[in-house]
Amino acid sequence: MFHLGIDVSKKSARYFILDESGSKLKAFTLVNDKESLESLPERFKSLSITADNLLIGIEATGSFWENIYSLSQKQGL
């Protein structure tokens, strides 16, 4: 099981992916826009991560997390 932590702010979000052993696999920042969020599934695919082996935790800061959550749900994550 991989773990994804998302630290949300107004203009961007920081993503941290941990592998099965809890080691940091990848970290990246994306602007909070539709194009960036739509790139998430391809980023996971390149790391051989599927929705079945991914657990996501998202910081619910104000309303900034809502777009990330909604689009992730639509993408099957």
N, C-alpha and C. Protein backbone atom coordinates (compact mmCIF):
# COMPACT_ATOMS: atom_id res chain seq x y z
N MET A 1 0.85 -1.18 0.00
CA MET A 1 0.00 0.00 0.00
C MET A 1 0.89 1.24 0.00
N PHE A 2 0.63 2.13 -0.93
CA PHE A 2 1.30 3.43 -0.98
C PHE A 2 0.43 4.44 -0.25
N HIS A 3 1.07 5.48 0.28
CA HIS A 3 0.35 6.53 0.99
C HIS A 3 0.67 7.87 0.35
N LEU A 4 -0.37 8.67 0.14
CA LEU A 4 -0.21 10.00 -0.42
C LEU A 4 -0.73 11.01 0.59
N GLY A 5 0.13 11.93 0.99
CA GLY A 5 -0.27 13.03 1.86
C GLY A 5 -0.31 14.30 1.04
N ILE A 6 -1.36 15.07 1.20
CA ILE A 6 -1.52 16.31 0.44
C ILE A 6 -1.65 17.47 1.42
N ASP A 7 -0.71 18.41 1.32
CA ASP A 7 -0.70 19.62 2.14
C ASP A 7 -1.21 20.75 1.27
N VAL A 8 -2.40 21.24 1.55
CA VAL A 8 -3.09 22.19 0.69
C VAL A 8 -2.88 23.62 1.15
N SER A 9 -2.64 24.50 0.19
CA SER A 9 -2.62 25.94 0.45
C SER A 9 -3.46 26.63 -0.62
N LYS A 10 -3.52 27.93 -0.59
CA LYS A 10 -4.41 28.67 -1.48
C LYS A 10 -4.07 28.47 -2.96
N LYS A 11 -2.81 28.61 -3.33
CA LYS A 11 -2.42 28.58 -4.73
C LYS A 11 -1.89 27.24 -5.21
N SER A 12 -1.41 26.42 -4.29
CA SER A 12 -0.81 25.14 -4.70
C SER A 12 -0.99 24.12 -3.59
N ALA A 13 -0.61 22.90 -3.90
CA ALA A 13 -0.63 21.83 -2.90
C ALA A 13 0.66 21.03 -3.03
N ARG A 14 1.16 20.56 -1.92
CA ARG A 14 2.37 19.75 -1.88
C ARG A 14 1.95 18.30 -1.68
N TYR A 15 2.49 17.40 -2.51
CA TYR A 15 2.13 15.99 -2.50
C TYR A 15 3.35 15.17 -2.07
N PHE A 16 3.15 14.25 -1.12
CA PHE A 16 4.21 13.38 -0.64
C PHE A 16 3.73 11.94 -0.78
N ILE A 17 4.49 11.13 -1.49
CA ILE A 17 4.13 9.73 -1.67
C ILE A 17 5.12 8.88 -0.89
N LEU A 18 4.59 8.00 -0.05
CA LEU A 18 5.39 7.05 0.71
C LEU A 18 5.18 5.66 0.13
N ASP A 19 6.25 4.87 0.08
CA ASP A 19 6.12 3.51 -0.44
C ASP A 19 5.65 2.57 0.67
N GLU A 20 5.62 1.28 0.37
CA GLU A 20 5.11 0.28 1.32
C GLU A 20 5.87 0.25 2.63
N SER A 21 7.15 0.62 2.60
CA SER A 21 7.95 0.59 3.83
C SER A 21 7.88 1.89 4.60
N GLY A 22 7.17 2.89 4.07
CA GLY A 22 7.05 4.18 4.73
C GLY A 22 8.13 5.16 4.33
N SER A 23 8.94 4.80 3.35
CA SER A 23 9.99 5.70 2.87
C SER A 23 9.44 6.65 1.82
N LYS A 24 9.98 7.86 1.79
CA LYS A 24 9.52 8.84 0.80
C LYS A 24 9.91 8.38 -0.59
N LEU A 25 8.90 8.22 -1.43
CA LEU A 25 9.10 7.79 -2.81
C LEU A 25 9.22 8.99 -3.73
N LYS A 26 8.35 9.97 -3.55
CA LYS A 26 8.32 11.13 -4.44
C LYS A 26 7.60 12.26 -3.73
N ALA A 27 8.02 13.48 -4.03
CA ALA A 27 7.34 14.68 -3.54
C ALA A 27 7.29 15.68 -4.68
N PHE A 28 6.18 16.37 -4.79
CA PHE A 28 6.03 17.36 -5.84
C PHE A 28 4.97 18.38 -5.44
N THR A 29 4.99 19.52 -6.10
CA THR A 29 4.02 20.58 -5.87
C THR A 29 3.25 20.82 -7.15
N LEU A 30 1.95 20.99 -7.02
CA LEU A 30 1.11 21.31 -8.17
C LEU A 30 0.29 22.56 -7.85
N VAL A 31 0.12 23.39 -8.86
CA VAL A 31 -0.78 24.53 -8.76
C VAL A 31 -2.20 23.98 -8.64
N ASN A 32 -3.03 24.66 -7.91
CA ASN A 32 -4.42 24.20 -7.72
C ASN A 32 -5.29 24.63 -8.90
N ASP A 33 -5.02 24.05 -10.06
CA ASP A 33 -5.87 24.30 -11.21
C ASP A 33 -6.26 22.96 -11.84
N LYS A 34 -7.24 23.01 -12.71
CA LYS A 34 -7.79 21.78 -13.29
C LYS A 34 -6.74 20.98 -14.05
N GLU A 35 -5.93 21.64 -14.86
CA GLU A 35 -4.90 20.94 -15.64
C GLU A 35 -3.95 20.17 -14.75
N SER A 36 -3.46 20.81 -13.70
CA SER A 36 -2.53 20.14 -12.80
C SER A 36 -3.17 18.95 -12.11
N LEU A 37 -4.40 19.14 -11.64
CA LEU A 37 -5.08 18.06 -10.93
C LEU A 37 -5.39 16.89 -11.87
N GLU A 38 -5.67 17.18 -13.12
CA GLU A 38 -5.94 16.10 -14.07
C GLU A 38 -4.68 15.29 -14.39
N SER A 39 -3.51 15.80 -14.06
CA SER A 39 -2.26 15.08 -14.31
C SER A 39 -1.95 14.04 -13.23
N LEU A 40 -2.69 14.05 -12.13
CA LEU A 40 -2.40 13.13 -11.02
C LEU A 40 -2.43 11.65 -11.42
N PRO A 41 -3.47 11.16 -12.09
CA PRO A 41 -3.47 9.73 -12.42
C PRO A 41 -2.25 9.30 -13.24
N GLU A 42 -1.79 10.13 -14.15
CA GLU A 42 -0.62 9.79 -14.96
C GLU A 42 0.64 9.75 -14.10
N ARG A 43 0.74 10.64 -13.14
CA ARG A 43 1.89 10.63 -12.22
C ARG A 43 1.92 9.31 -11.43
N PHE A 44 0.76 8.89 -10.96
CA PHE A 44 0.70 7.64 -10.20
C PHE A 44 0.99 6.45 -11.10
N LYS A 45 0.47 6.48 -12.30
CA LYS A 45 0.69 5.38 -13.24
C LYS A 45 2.17 5.21 -13.53
N SER A 46 2.91 6.31 -13.66
CA SER A 46 4.35 6.23 -13.94
C SER A 46 5.12 5.60 -12.79
N LEU A 47 4.53 5.59 -11.60
CA LEU A 47 5.15 4.98 -10.43
C LEU A 47 4.54 3.61 -10.11
N SER A 48 3.72 3.09 -11.01
CA SER A 48 3.02 1.81 -10.83
C SER A 48 2.11 1.82 -9.61
N ILE A 49 1.48 2.96 -9.35
CA ILE A 49 0.54 3.10 -8.25
C ILE A 49 -0.87 3.15 -8.84
N THR A 50 -1.74 2.30 -8.32
CA THR A 50 -3.14 2.29 -8.75
C THR A 50 -4.03 2.71 -7.59
N ALA A 51 -5.28 2.99 -7.89
CA ALA A 51 -6.23 3.37 -6.85
C ALA A 51 -6.39 2.25 -5.82
N ASP A 52 -6.19 1.01 -6.25
CA ASP A 52 -6.34 -0.13 -5.34
C ASP A 52 -5.22 -0.23 -4.31
N ASN A 53 -4.05 0.38 -4.61
CA ASN A 53 -2.95 0.28 -3.65
C ASN A 53 -2.49 1.66 -3.17
N LEU A 54 -3.45 2.60 -3.09
CA LEU A 54 -3.15 3.97 -2.66
C LEU A 54 -4.14 4.44 -1.61
N LEU A 55 -3.60 4.94 -0.52
CA LEU A 55 -4.41 5.56 0.54
C LEU A 55 -4.04 7.03 0.57
N ILE A 56 -5.05 7.90 0.48
CA ILE A 56 -4.82 9.34 0.40
C ILE A 56 -5.30 10.02 1.68
N GLY A 57 -4.43 10.89 2.20
CA GLY A 57 -4.80 11.76 3.32
C GLY A 57 -4.64 13.19 2.86
N ILE A 58 -5.66 14.00 3.07
CA ILE A 58 -5.62 15.39 2.59
C ILE A 58 -5.93 16.34 3.74
N GLU A 59 -5.14 17.39 3.83
CA GLU A 59 -5.36 18.41 4.84
C GLU A 59 -6.52 19.30 4.38
N ALA A 60 -7.54 19.36 5.17
CA ALA A 60 -8.74 20.12 4.81
C ALA A 60 -8.61 21.57 5.30
N THR A 61 -7.86 22.37 4.55
CA THR A 61 -7.63 23.77 4.89
C THR A 61 -8.70 24.64 4.23
N GLY A 62 -9.50 25.30 5.03
CA GLY A 62 -10.54 26.14 4.47
C GLY A 62 -11.33 25.38 3.42
N SER A 63 -11.51 26.00 2.28
CA SER A 63 -12.22 25.31 1.18
C SER A 63 -11.27 24.88 0.07
N PHE A 64 -9.97 25.10 0.26
CA PHE A 64 -8.99 24.84 -0.79
C PHE A 64 -8.86 23.36 -1.13
N TRP A 65 -9.19 22.49 -0.24
CA TRP A 65 -9.07 21.05 -0.46
C TRP A 65 -10.20 20.50 -1.33
N GLU A 66 -11.31 21.20 -1.42
CA GLU A 66 -12.51 20.66 -2.05
C GLU A 66 -12.32 20.30 -3.52
N ASN A 67 -11.63 21.14 -4.29
CA ASN A 67 -11.41 20.83 -5.71
C ASN A 67 -10.53 19.60 -5.88
N ILE A 68 -9.50 19.50 -5.06
CA ILE A 68 -8.61 18.33 -5.12
C ILE A 68 -9.41 17.06 -4.80
N TYR A 69 -10.19 17.12 -3.75
CA TYR A 69 -11.00 15.97 -3.34
C TYR A 69 -12.00 15.58 -4.42
N SER A 70 -12.73 16.55 -4.94
CA SER A 70 -13.77 16.27 -5.94
C SER A 70 -13.18 15.66 -7.20
N LEU A 71 -12.12 16.24 -7.70
CA LEU A 71 -11.53 15.72 -8.92
C LEU A 71 -10.90 14.35 -8.70
N SER A 72 -10.30 14.15 -7.53
CA SER A 72 -9.73 12.82 -7.22
C SER A 72 -10.81 11.76 -7.17
N GLN A 73 -11.95 12.10 -6.61
CA GLN A 73 -13.08 11.17 -6.58
C GLN A 73 -13.54 10.82 -8.00
N LYS A 74 -13.66 11.82 -8.86
CA LYS A 74 -14.09 11.61 -10.23
C LYS A 74 -13.09 10.74 -11.00
N GLN A 75 -11.82 10.81 -10.63
CA GLN A 75 -10.77 10.04 -11.29
C GLN A 75 -10.65 8.63 -10.71
N GLY A 76 -11.47 8.32 -9.74
CA GLY A 76 -11.44 6.99 -9.15
C GLY A 76 -10.39 6.81 -8.08
N LEU A 77 -9.83 7.90 -7.59
CA LEU A 77 -8.81 7.80 -6.56
C LEU A 77 -9.45 7.87 -5.19
